[in-house]
Structure formats: structure tokens, C-alpha cells
Amino acid sequence: MRTSTARPASNHPVTPPPPSGPPCPSAFAPVPAAPLPRRVAGTSSLAIGAFVVMFLLPPLGMLLGVLAGRRIRRRGLAGAGFARISVIGGGVLTVLYPLAAMAAMTLWYRIGTAFGYDQPPLPWR
């Protein structure tokens, strides 16, 4: 005779034993977001502005270049080259712009006198 090893049916569902370790990730579990990349300090806007203004108003470009250099050192921004060029170029252009204006006026005068425009207009004409 054989004995049956089957359990008698019961009205209670069978529950699995609790897990012994950390839960394993499910295929449907949310994936943690990657951390955002740190923003790298960009070029100083004041340094770029000083570089542009240097060509229009050299003394103001020099001043903005000095202020940009201080801000760059304090905040760790890029653009020290723009600031340095603005200071040096502003100094050079502050000297060259008046010299170029004087040279242009001298040339204008010499060309005018070569064609006889140095005589005052006659009153009867």
C-alpha cells in the first residue's frame, strides 16, 4: 500500500517566506536619475564687453578691463585674457587714436593746400 504524501487542501493561500537580503531591483522600478553635471564657470561677460568697448572708447575699455580682471580673480571665471588685452590695448589705443586723428588732419590740410584751397575766399565772388 502506498501512502499519500500530498497535503490536504486548505482555504488559506500559501505565502512565500520573507526575503533574507536586500530587495532586488525590479524591471519596473524607477531608475534613479543621473546627477546633473556641474556648471563650468564661463567667460566673464564684463571681460568680453571691455574688449568690445576698448575699440570704441579706449579709456573706458581699460577701466572695464581692470574691473573684469578683479571679478575674474574673485569668482574664478574664465576670460582673464580678454581683460588683460582690454587694459593693454586700451592704453595703446588711447595714445594712438589722437595721433591718428592729428595725422589725418595734417594730411587733409596738406592735400588741401596742394590744390590751392588754403586761400580765403575772395569777397567779390
Foldseek 3Di string as FASTA:
>chain_A
DDDDPDDDDDPDDDDDDDDDDDDDDDPPDDDDDDDDDDDDAEADPLLVVLLVVCVVQLVVSLVSLVVSCVVCVVVVHDRVVSSVCSNVSSVVVVVVVVVVVVVVVVVVVVVCVVVPNPDDDDPVD
